[in-house]
Amino acid sequence: MRLFGYLILFALIGYGIWPYFTVFRLDEAINQEGTAQLATMVDLPAIRANYKARVTAGVDGIFPSGDPESVMNWIRQNVDRLGDSALEQAITLTWVRDTLRGAVTRATGQSPPYLLGGIDFAFFESYNRFLIRIGDLGRSPTHVRMTLQGTDWKITDIID
């Protein structure tokens, strides 16, 4: 019985350390010129979907849905359509790498940027979501959300 308890304890400790190991690997990946290593740690469709949700929420405030035949509804539909293609072109692995580098440089002033030096907070939001804050609160920090997908922690949102 005691052995079983120790096994569960070690499993919980391992699970708790696992995303921090991914953060360490991410630090290496953002300082490389290529994006091959970073590609294994990023879920681009999820990042695009989260940005689209934020853009759509902003469009709802500017162009409220009403009459389906109105000019405002037509503009709203075109913003949605153009927004998808714009997000696909803008949010790339290079953009992710440059955004993370820029956030660390703003937070620490280091060049080259070391992610571990810029992290002000990193902890679980839930059992399968992990939040990293780069920079101090009140000073425009960048939030990086990682989600457990299968057996890997992947970046699914960057809030800059």
N, C-alpha and C. Protein backbone atom coordinates (compact mmCIF):
# COMPACT_ATOMS: atom_id res chain seq x y z
N MET A 1 0.83 -1.19 0.00
CA MET A 1 0.00 0.00 0.00
C MET A 1 0.88 1.26 0.00
N ARG A 2 1.93 1.22 0.76
CA ARG A 2 2.83 2.37 0.83
C ARG A 2 3.50 2.62 -0.52
N LEU A 3 3.89 1.56 -1.21
CA LEU A 3 4.51 1.66 -2.53
C LEU A 3 3.54 2.32 -3.51
N PHE A 4 2.29 1.93 -3.46
CA PHE A 4 1.27 2.52 -4.32
C PHE A 4 1.12 4.02 -4.05
N GLY A 5 1.17 4.40 -2.80
CA GLY A 5 1.09 5.81 -2.43
C GLY A 5 2.27 6.61 -2.96
N TYR A 6 3.46 6.03 -2.88
CA TYR A 6 4.65 6.69 -3.43
C TYR A 6 4.57 6.83 -4.94
N LEU A 7 4.07 5.80 -5.61
CA LEU A 7 3.92 5.87 -7.06
C LEU A 7 2.97 7.00 -7.47
N ILE A 8 1.88 7.12 -6.75
CA ILE A 8 0.93 8.21 -7.04
C ILE A 8 1.58 9.56 -6.76
N LEU A 9 2.32 9.67 -5.67
CA LEU A 9 3.01 10.92 -5.35
C LEU A 9 4.01 11.30 -6.43
N PHE A 10 4.81 10.35 -6.89
CA PHE A 10 5.79 10.62 -7.96
C PHE A 10 5.10 10.99 -9.26
N ALA A 11 3.97 10.34 -9.55
CA ALA A 11 3.21 10.67 -10.77
C ALA A 11 2.68 12.10 -10.70
N LEU A 12 2.19 12.52 -9.54
CA LEU A 12 1.69 13.89 -9.38
C LEU A 12 2.81 14.91 -9.49
N ILE A 13 3.94 14.60 -8.91
CA ILE A 13 5.09 15.50 -9.02
C ILE A 13 5.55 15.60 -10.46
N GLY A 14 5.61 14.49 -11.15
CA GLY A 14 6.00 14.49 -12.56
C GLY A 14 5.03 15.29 -13.41
N TYR A 15 3.74 15.13 -13.14
CA TYR A 15 2.73 15.89 -13.89
C TYR A 15 2.87 17.39 -13.61
N GLY A 16 3.18 17.75 -12.39
CA GLY A 16 3.35 19.15 -12.03
C GLY A 16 4.58 19.79 -12.66
N ILE A 17 5.63 19.01 -12.87
CA ILE A 17 6.88 19.52 -13.45
C ILE A 17 6.82 19.54 -14.98
N TRP A 18 6.00 18.71 -15.56
CA TRP A 18 5.94 18.53 -17.00
C TRP A 18 5.80 19.83 -17.80
N PRO A 19 4.86 20.73 -17.50
CA PRO A 19 4.77 21.96 -18.30
C PRO A 19 5.99 22.88 -18.13
N TYR A 20 6.62 22.84 -16.97
CA TYR A 20 7.82 23.66 -16.78
C TYR A 20 8.96 23.16 -17.67
N PHE A 21 9.03 21.86 -17.89
CA PHE A 21 10.00 21.31 -18.81
C PHE A 21 9.73 21.81 -20.24
N THR A 22 8.45 21.91 -20.60
CA THR A 22 8.06 22.44 -21.92
C THR A 22 8.46 23.90 -22.03
N VAL A 23 8.32 24.66 -20.96
CA VAL A 23 8.74 26.07 -20.97
C VAL A 23 10.25 26.16 -21.19
N PHE A 24 11.00 25.28 -20.58
CA PHE A 24 12.45 25.25 -20.77
C PHE A 24 12.78 24.96 -22.23
N ARG A 25 12.08 24.00 -22.84
CA ARG A 25 12.28 23.69 -24.26
C ARG A 25 11.87 24.87 -25.15
N LEU A 26 10.81 25.56 -24.75
CA LEU A 26 10.34 26.72 -25.50
C LEU A 26 11.38 27.83 -25.48
N ASP A 27 12.08 27.99 -24.37
CA ASP A 27 13.15 28.98 -24.27
C ASP A 27 14.22 28.72 -25.32
N GLU A 28 14.58 27.46 -25.50
CA GLU A 28 15.55 27.09 -26.54
C GLU A 28 14.99 27.37 -27.93
N ALA A 29 13.73 27.02 -28.15
CA ALA A 29 13.14 27.11 -29.49
C ALA A 29 13.01 28.55 -29.97
N ILE A 30 12.70 29.49 -29.10
CA ILE A 30 12.52 30.87 -29.58
C ILE A 30 13.84 31.55 -29.88
N ASN A 31 14.94 31.00 -29.40
CA ASN A 31 16.23 31.60 -29.68
C ASN A 31 16.95 30.97 -30.87
N GLN A 32 16.30 30.04 -31.54
CA GLN A 32 16.86 29.46 -32.75
C GLN A 32 16.35 30.24 -33.96
N GLU A 33 17.13 30.23 -35.02
CA GLU A 33 16.73 30.95 -36.24
C GLU A 33 15.57 30.25 -36.94
N GLY A 34 15.59 28.95 -37.01
CA GLY A 34 14.52 28.21 -37.66
C GLY A 34 13.33 28.03 -36.73
N THR A 35 12.22 27.57 -37.31
CA THR A 35 11.02 27.38 -36.51
C THR A 35 10.62 25.91 -36.38
N ALA A 36 11.50 25.00 -36.78
CA ALA A 36 11.16 23.58 -36.76
C ALA A 36 10.89 23.08 -35.34
N GLN A 37 11.74 23.43 -34.39
CA GLN A 37 11.53 22.99 -33.01
C GLN A 37 10.31 23.67 -32.41
N LEU A 38 10.09 24.93 -32.73
CA LEU A 38 8.94 25.67 -32.23
C LEU A 38 7.64 25.09 -32.77
N ALA A 39 7.65 24.59 -34.00
CA ALA A 39 6.44 24.06 -34.63
C ALA A 39 5.83 22.91 -33.84
N THR A 40 6.65 22.15 -33.14
CA THR A 40 6.13 21.03 -32.35
C THR A 40 5.47 21.49 -31.06
N MET A 41 5.66 22.76 -30.69
CA MET A 41 5.12 23.27 -29.43
C MET A 41 4.00 24.29 -29.61
N VAL A 42 3.56 24.50 -30.85
CA VAL A 42 2.57 25.54 -31.14
C VAL A 42 1.39 24.94 -31.90
N ASP A 43 0.19 25.31 -31.50
CA ASP A 43 -1.04 24.94 -32.21
C ASP A 43 -1.56 26.20 -32.90
N LEU A 44 -1.09 26.44 -34.13
CA LEU A 44 -1.47 27.66 -34.85
C LEU A 44 -2.97 27.80 -35.07
N PRO A 45 -3.69 26.75 -35.46
CA PRO A 45 -5.14 26.92 -35.62
C PRO A 45 -5.83 27.38 -34.33
N ALA A 46 -5.38 26.91 -33.19
CA ALA A 46 -5.98 27.33 -31.92
C ALA A 46 -5.66 28.79 -31.63
N ILE A 47 -4.45 29.23 -31.90
CA ILE A 47 -4.08 30.63 -31.69
C ILE A 47 -4.93 31.52 -32.60
N ARG A 48 -5.06 31.13 -33.87
CA ARG A 48 -5.88 31.90 -34.81
C ARG A 48 -7.34 31.95 -34.35
N ALA A 49 -7.86 30.83 -33.88
CA ALA A 49 -9.25 30.79 -33.41
C ALA A 49 -9.46 31.71 -32.22
N ASN A 50 -8.50 31.75 -31.30
CA ASN A 50 -8.62 32.64 -30.14
C ASN A 50 -8.55 34.11 -30.56
N TYR A 51 -7.65 34.43 -31.50
CA TYR A 51 -7.59 35.81 -31.99
C TYR A 51 -8.87 36.17 -32.72
N LYS A 52 -9.41 35.24 -33.51
CA LYS A 52 -10.65 35.50 -34.23
C LYS A 52 -11.79 35.77 -33.25
N ALA A 53 -11.84 35.02 -32.17
CA ALA A 53 -12.89 35.23 -31.16
C ALA A 53 -12.78 36.63 -30.56
N ARG A 54 -11.56 37.10 -30.30
CA ARG A 54 -11.39 38.44 -29.75
C ARG A 54 -11.76 39.51 -30.78
N VAL A 55 -11.38 39.30 -32.05
CA VAL A 55 -11.72 40.25 -33.11
C VAL A 55 -13.23 40.28 -33.31
N THR A 56 -13.86 39.13 -33.33
CA THR A 56 -15.31 39.06 -33.52
C THR A 56 -16.04 39.76 -32.38
N ALA A 57 -15.55 39.61 -31.18
CA ALA A 57 -16.17 40.30 -30.05
C ALA A 57 -16.07 41.81 -30.23
N GLY A 58 -14.95 42.28 -30.78
CA GLY A 58 -14.80 43.71 -31.05
C GLY A 58 -15.70 44.18 -32.17
N VAL A 59 -15.87 43.35 -33.20
CA VAL A 59 -16.75 43.69 -34.32
C VAL A 59 -18.19 43.75 -33.86
N ASP A 60 -18.57 42.86 -32.95
CA ASP A 60 -19.95 42.88 -32.43
C ASP A 60 -20.28 44.21 -31.77
N GLY A 61 -19.29 44.80 -31.11
CA GLY A 61 -19.52 46.09 -30.47
C GLY A 61 -19.63 47.24 -31.47
N ILE A 62 -18.91 47.14 -32.58
CA ILE A 62 -18.91 48.21 -33.58
C ILE A 62 -20.06 48.07 -34.57
N PHE A 63 -20.27 46.83 -35.05
CA PHE A 63 -21.31 46.55 -36.03
C PHE A 63 -22.32 45.57 -35.45
N PRO A 64 -23.29 46.06 -34.67
CA PRO A 64 -24.24 45.14 -34.06
C PRO A 64 -25.06 44.42 -35.12
N SER A 65 -25.37 43.15 -34.84
CA SER A 65 -26.20 42.41 -35.78
C SER A 65 -27.63 42.90 -35.65
N GLY A 66 -28.25 43.10 -36.78
CA GLY A 66 -29.62 43.58 -36.81
C GLY A 66 -30.29 43.11 -38.07
N ASP A 67 -30.67 44.04 -38.88
CA ASP A 67 -31.33 43.74 -40.15
C ASP A 67 -30.37 43.00 -41.07
N PRO A 68 -30.73 41.79 -41.57
CA PRO A 68 -29.83 41.04 -42.44
C PRO A 68 -29.59 41.71 -43.79
N GLU A 69 -30.43 42.66 -44.16
CA GLU A 69 -30.28 43.34 -45.45
C GLU A 69 -29.54 44.68 -45.32
N SER A 70 -29.13 45.02 -44.12
CA SER A 70 -28.51 46.34 -43.91
C SER A 70 -27.05 46.36 -44.36
N VAL A 71 -26.57 47.55 -44.59
CA VAL A 71 -25.17 47.75 -44.98
C VAL A 71 -24.25 47.33 -43.84
N MET A 72 -24.65 47.60 -42.61
CA MET A 72 -23.84 47.23 -41.45
C MET A 72 -23.64 45.71 -41.38
N ASN A 73 -24.68 44.94 -41.68
CA ASN A 73 -24.56 43.49 -41.68
C ASN A 73 -23.62 43.03 -42.79
N TRP A 74 -23.69 43.68 -43.95
CA TRP A 74 -22.80 43.35 -45.06
C TRP A 74 -21.34 43.62 -44.68
N ILE A 75 -21.09 44.76 -44.05
CA ILE A 75 -19.73 45.10 -43.60
C ILE A 75 -19.25 44.06 -42.58
N ARG A 76 -20.11 43.72 -41.67
CA ARG A 76 -19.77 42.74 -40.63
C ARG A 76 -19.37 41.39 -41.24
N GLN A 77 -20.14 40.92 -42.23
CA GLN A 77 -19.83 39.65 -42.89
C GLN A 77 -18.49 39.72 -43.60
N ASN A 78 -18.19 40.84 -44.25
CA ASN A 78 -16.93 40.98 -44.96
C ASN A 78 -15.75 41.07 -43.99
N VAL A 79 -15.95 41.71 -42.86
CA VAL A 79 -14.88 41.77 -41.85
C VAL A 79 -14.59 40.35 -41.36
N ASP A 80 -15.63 39.55 -41.13
CA ASP A 80 -15.42 38.16 -40.70
C ASP A 80 -14.64 37.37 -41.75
N ARG A 81 -15.04 37.51 -43.02
CA ARG A 81 -14.40 36.76 -44.10
C ARG A 81 -12.95 37.20 -44.30
N LEU A 82 -12.73 38.52 -44.35
CA LEU A 82 -11.38 39.03 -44.53
C LEU A 82 -10.51 38.75 -43.31
N GLY A 83 -11.14 38.75 -42.15
CA GLY A 83 -10.39 38.48 -40.92
C GLY A 83 -9.77 37.10 -40.90
N ASP A 84 -10.49 36.10 -41.43
CA ASP A 84 -9.95 34.74 -41.47
C ASP A 84 -8.68 34.67 -42.31
N SER A 85 -8.73 35.24 -43.49
CA SER A 85 -7.54 35.16 -44.36
C SER A 85 -6.40 36.01 -43.80
N ALA A 86 -6.75 37.13 -43.20
CA ALA A 86 -5.70 37.98 -42.61
C ALA A 86 -5.02 37.27 -41.45
N LEU A 87 -5.79 36.58 -40.62
CA LEU A 87 -5.20 35.86 -39.49
C LEU A 87 -4.31 34.72 -39.98
N GLU A 88 -4.71 34.04 -41.03
CA GLU A 88 -3.88 32.96 -41.56
C GLU A 88 -2.55 33.48 -42.09
N GLN A 89 -2.57 34.67 -42.66
CA GLN A 89 -1.33 35.25 -43.18
C GLN A 89 -0.48 35.87 -42.08
N ALA A 90 -1.12 36.43 -41.07
CA ALA A 90 -0.38 37.16 -40.04
C ALA A 90 0.15 36.25 -38.94
N ILE A 91 -0.64 35.29 -38.50
CA ILE A 91 -0.24 34.46 -37.38
C ILE A 91 0.45 33.21 -37.92
N THR A 92 1.77 33.26 -37.89
CA THR A 92 2.62 32.18 -38.38
C THR A 92 3.59 31.79 -37.27
N LEU A 93 4.37 30.77 -37.51
CA LEU A 93 5.38 30.38 -36.52
C LEU A 93 6.40 31.48 -36.31
N THR A 94 6.75 32.18 -37.37
CA THR A 94 7.69 33.31 -37.24
C THR A 94 7.09 34.39 -36.37
N TRP A 95 5.79 34.66 -36.54
CA TRP A 95 5.11 35.66 -35.71
C TRP A 95 5.12 35.24 -34.25
N VAL A 96 4.86 33.96 -33.99
CA VAL A 96 4.88 33.45 -32.61
C VAL A 96 6.26 33.65 -32.00
N ARG A 97 7.30 33.25 -32.72
CA ARG A 97 8.67 33.39 -32.22
C ARG A 97 9.00 34.86 -31.96
N ASP A 98 8.68 35.74 -32.92
CA ASP A 98 9.01 37.15 -32.77
C ASP A 98 8.19 37.81 -31.65
N THR A 99 6.94 37.39 -31.48
CA THR A 99 6.10 37.94 -30.40
C THR A 99 6.67 37.55 -29.04
N LEU A 100 7.06 36.29 -28.90
CA LEU A 100 7.63 35.84 -27.62
C LEU A 100 8.98 36.51 -27.36
N ARG A 101 9.80 36.62 -28.39
CA ARG A 101 11.09 37.32 -28.21
C ARG A 101 10.86 38.77 -27.80
N GLY A 102 9.93 39.43 -28.48
CA GLY A 102 9.65 40.84 -28.17
C GLY A 102 9.13 41.01 -26.76
N ALA A 103 8.27 40.10 -26.31
CA ALA A 103 7.73 40.18 -24.96
C ALA A 103 8.83 40.02 -23.92
N VAL A 104 9.73 39.09 -24.15
CA VAL A 104 10.84 38.88 -23.20
C VAL A 104 11.78 40.08 -23.21
N THR A 105 12.06 40.61 -24.37
CA THR A 105 12.94 41.79 -24.45
C THR A 105 12.33 42.98 -23.74
N ARG A 106 11.01 43.19 -23.91
CA ARG A 106 10.33 44.29 -23.20
C ARG A 106 10.39 44.09 -21.70
N ALA A 107 10.23 42.85 -21.26
CA ALA A 107 10.18 42.56 -19.82
C ALA A 107 11.55 42.63 -19.16
N THR A 108 12.59 42.22 -19.89
CA THR A 108 13.90 42.10 -19.25
C THR A 108 14.97 43.01 -19.83
N GLY A 109 14.80 43.45 -21.07
CA GLY A 109 15.83 44.24 -21.73
C GLY A 109 16.99 43.39 -22.23
N GLN A 110 16.85 42.07 -22.16
CA GLN A 110 17.92 41.17 -22.57
C GLN A 110 17.94 40.99 -24.08
N SER A 111 19.13 40.85 -24.60
CA SER A 111 19.30 40.49 -26.00
C SER A 111 20.50 39.57 -26.09
N PRO A 112 20.39 38.34 -26.47
CA PRO A 112 19.18 37.66 -26.91
C PRO A 112 18.22 37.41 -25.74
N PRO A 113 16.93 37.34 -26.06
CA PRO A 113 15.94 37.18 -25.00
C PRO A 113 15.91 35.77 -24.43
N TYR A 114 15.94 35.67 -23.12
CA TYR A 114 15.82 34.38 -22.45
C TYR A 114 14.47 34.32 -21.76
N LEU A 115 13.60 33.45 -22.26
CA LEU A 115 12.23 33.34 -21.78
C LEU A 115 12.18 33.13 -20.27
N LEU A 116 13.04 32.29 -19.76
CA LEU A 116 13.01 31.98 -18.33
C LEU A 116 13.25 33.22 -17.47
N GLY A 117 14.04 34.16 -17.99
CA GLY A 117 14.31 35.39 -17.25
C GLY A 117 13.14 36.37 -17.28
N GLY A 118 12.26 36.25 -18.26
CA GLY A 118 11.14 37.18 -18.40
C GLY A 118 9.86 36.71 -17.76
N ILE A 119 9.82 35.47 -17.34
CA ILE A 119 8.58 34.93 -16.77
C ILE A 119 8.37 35.46 -15.36
N ASP A 120 7.21 36.07 -15.16
CA ASP A 120 6.86 36.59 -13.85
C ASP A 120 5.93 35.63 -13.11
N PHE A 121 5.19 34.83 -13.88
CA PHE A 121 4.23 33.90 -13.29
C PHE A 121 4.05 32.73 -14.25
N ALA A 122 4.00 31.53 -13.73
CA ALA A 122 3.73 30.34 -14.53
C ALA A 122 3.11 29.28 -13.63
N PHE A 123 1.84 28.95 -13.91
CA PHE A 123 1.16 27.95 -13.09
C PHE A 123 -0.06 27.42 -13.83
N PHE A 124 -0.64 26.37 -13.30
CA PHE A 124 -1.80 25.73 -13.89
C PHE A 124 -3.04 26.61 -13.75
N GLU A 125 -3.84 26.69 -14.83
CA GLU A 125 -5.18 27.26 -14.75
C GLU A 125 -6.18 26.16 -14.43
N SER A 126 -5.93 24.99 -14.98
CA SER A 126 -6.71 23.79 -14.69
C SER A 126 -5.79 22.60 -14.94
N TYR A 127 -6.33 21.41 -14.87
CA TYR A 127 -5.47 20.23 -15.02
C TYR A 127 -4.83 20.13 -16.41
N ASN A 128 -5.46 20.77 -17.43
CA ASN A 128 -4.91 20.67 -18.78
C ASN A 128 -4.59 22.02 -19.41
N ARG A 129 -4.54 23.07 -18.61
CA ARG A 129 -4.19 24.41 -19.10
C ARG A 129 -3.16 25.03 -18.18
N PHE A 130 -2.17 25.66 -18.79
CA PHE A 130 -1.04 26.24 -18.06
C PHE A 130 -0.85 27.66 -18.57
N LEU A 131 -0.74 28.62 -17.68
CA LEU A 131 -0.61 30.02 -18.06
C LEU A 131 0.77 30.55 -17.69
N ILE A 132 1.37 31.27 -18.63
CA ILE A 132 2.66 31.92 -18.42
C ILE A 132 2.46 33.41 -18.61
N ARG A 133 2.94 34.20 -17.66
CA ARG A 133 2.89 35.66 -17.81
C ARG A 133 4.31 36.16 -17.96
N ILE A 134 4.56 36.83 -19.07
CA ILE A 134 5.88 37.41 -19.33
C ILE A 134 5.78 38.90 -19.04
N GLY A 135 6.47 39.34 -18.02
CA GLY A 135 6.43 40.74 -17.61
C GLY A 135 5.56 40.92 -16.38
N ASP A 136 5.68 42.08 -15.78
CA ASP A 136 4.94 42.39 -14.55
C ASP A 136 3.52 42.83 -14.86
N LEU A 137 2.62 42.52 -13.93
CA LEU A 137 1.25 43.02 -14.06
C LEU A 137 1.27 44.55 -14.03
N GLY A 138 0.40 45.15 -14.79
CA GLY A 138 0.35 46.60 -14.84
C GLY A 138 1.31 47.21 -15.83
N ARG A 139 2.15 46.41 -16.43
CA ARG A 139 3.13 46.90 -17.41
C ARG A 139 2.97 46.18 -18.74
N SER A 140 1.74 45.97 -19.16
CA SER A 140 1.40 45.30 -20.42
C SER A 140 2.11 43.95 -20.57
N PRO A 141 1.84 43.02 -19.68
CA PRO A 141 2.48 41.71 -19.81
C PRO A 141 1.89 40.92 -20.98
N THR A 142 2.61 39.94 -21.42
CA THR A 142 2.14 39.02 -22.44
C THR A 142 1.78 37.71 -21.74
N HIS A 143 0.59 37.21 -22.04
CA HIS A 143 0.14 35.94 -21.46
C HIS A 143 0.21 34.87 -22.53
N VAL A 144 0.80 33.75 -22.17
CA VAL A 144 0.91 32.60 -23.07
C VAL A 144 0.17 31.46 -22.41
N ARG A 145 -0.83 30.93 -23.13
CA ARG A 145 -1.61 29.82 -22.60
C ARG A 145 -1.19 28.54 -23.31
N MET A 146 -0.85 27.54 -22.52
CA MET A 146 -0.52 26.23 -23.07
C MET A 146 -1.62 25.26 -22.67
N THR A 147 -1.93 24.36 -23.59
CA THR A 147 -2.96 23.35 -23.34
C THR A 147 -2.37 21.98 -23.59
N LEU A 148 -2.75 21.04 -22.75
CA LEU A 148 -2.28 19.66 -22.92
C LEU A 148 -3.07 19.03 -24.05
N GLN A 149 -2.36 18.66 -25.11
CA GLN A 149 -2.99 18.02 -26.27
C GLN A 149 -2.33 16.66 -26.47
N GLY A 150 -3.05 15.64 -26.13
CA GLY A 150 -2.47 14.30 -26.18
C GLY A 150 -1.41 14.17 -25.10
N THR A 151 -0.16 14.03 -25.54
CA THR A 151 0.94 13.89 -24.58
C THR A 151 1.86 15.11 -24.58
N ASP A 152 1.46 16.18 -25.25
CA ASP A 152 2.32 17.37 -25.37
C ASP A 152 1.59 18.61 -24.88
N TRP A 153 2.35 19.51 -24.26
CA TRP A 153 1.85 20.83 -23.94
C TRP A 153 2.13 21.72 -25.15
N LYS A 154 1.09 22.40 -25.65
CA LYS A 154 1.25 23.26 -26.82
C LYS A 154 0.69 24.64 -26.54
N ILE A 155 1.32 25.64 -27.15
CA ILE A 155 0.83 27.01 -27.03
C ILE A 155 -0.45 27.12 -27.84
N THR A 156 -1.54 27.53 -27.19
CA THR A 156 -2.82 27.66 -27.88
C THR A 156 -3.34 29.10 -27.88
N ASP A 157 -2.66 30.00 -27.19
CA ASP A 157 -3.08 31.39 -27.20
C ASP A 157 -1.94 32.28 -26.70
N ILE A 158 -1.82 33.42 -27.35
CA ILE A 158 -0.88 34.46 -26.92
C ILE A 158 -1.65 35.76 -26.83
N ILE A 159 -1.69 36.33 -25.66
CA ILE A 159 -2.41 37.58 -25.45
C ILE A 159 -1.37 38.64 -25.17
N ASP A 160 -1.15 39.48 -26.16
CA ASP A 160 -0.07 40.47 -26.10
C ASP A 160 -0.62 41.83 -25.78
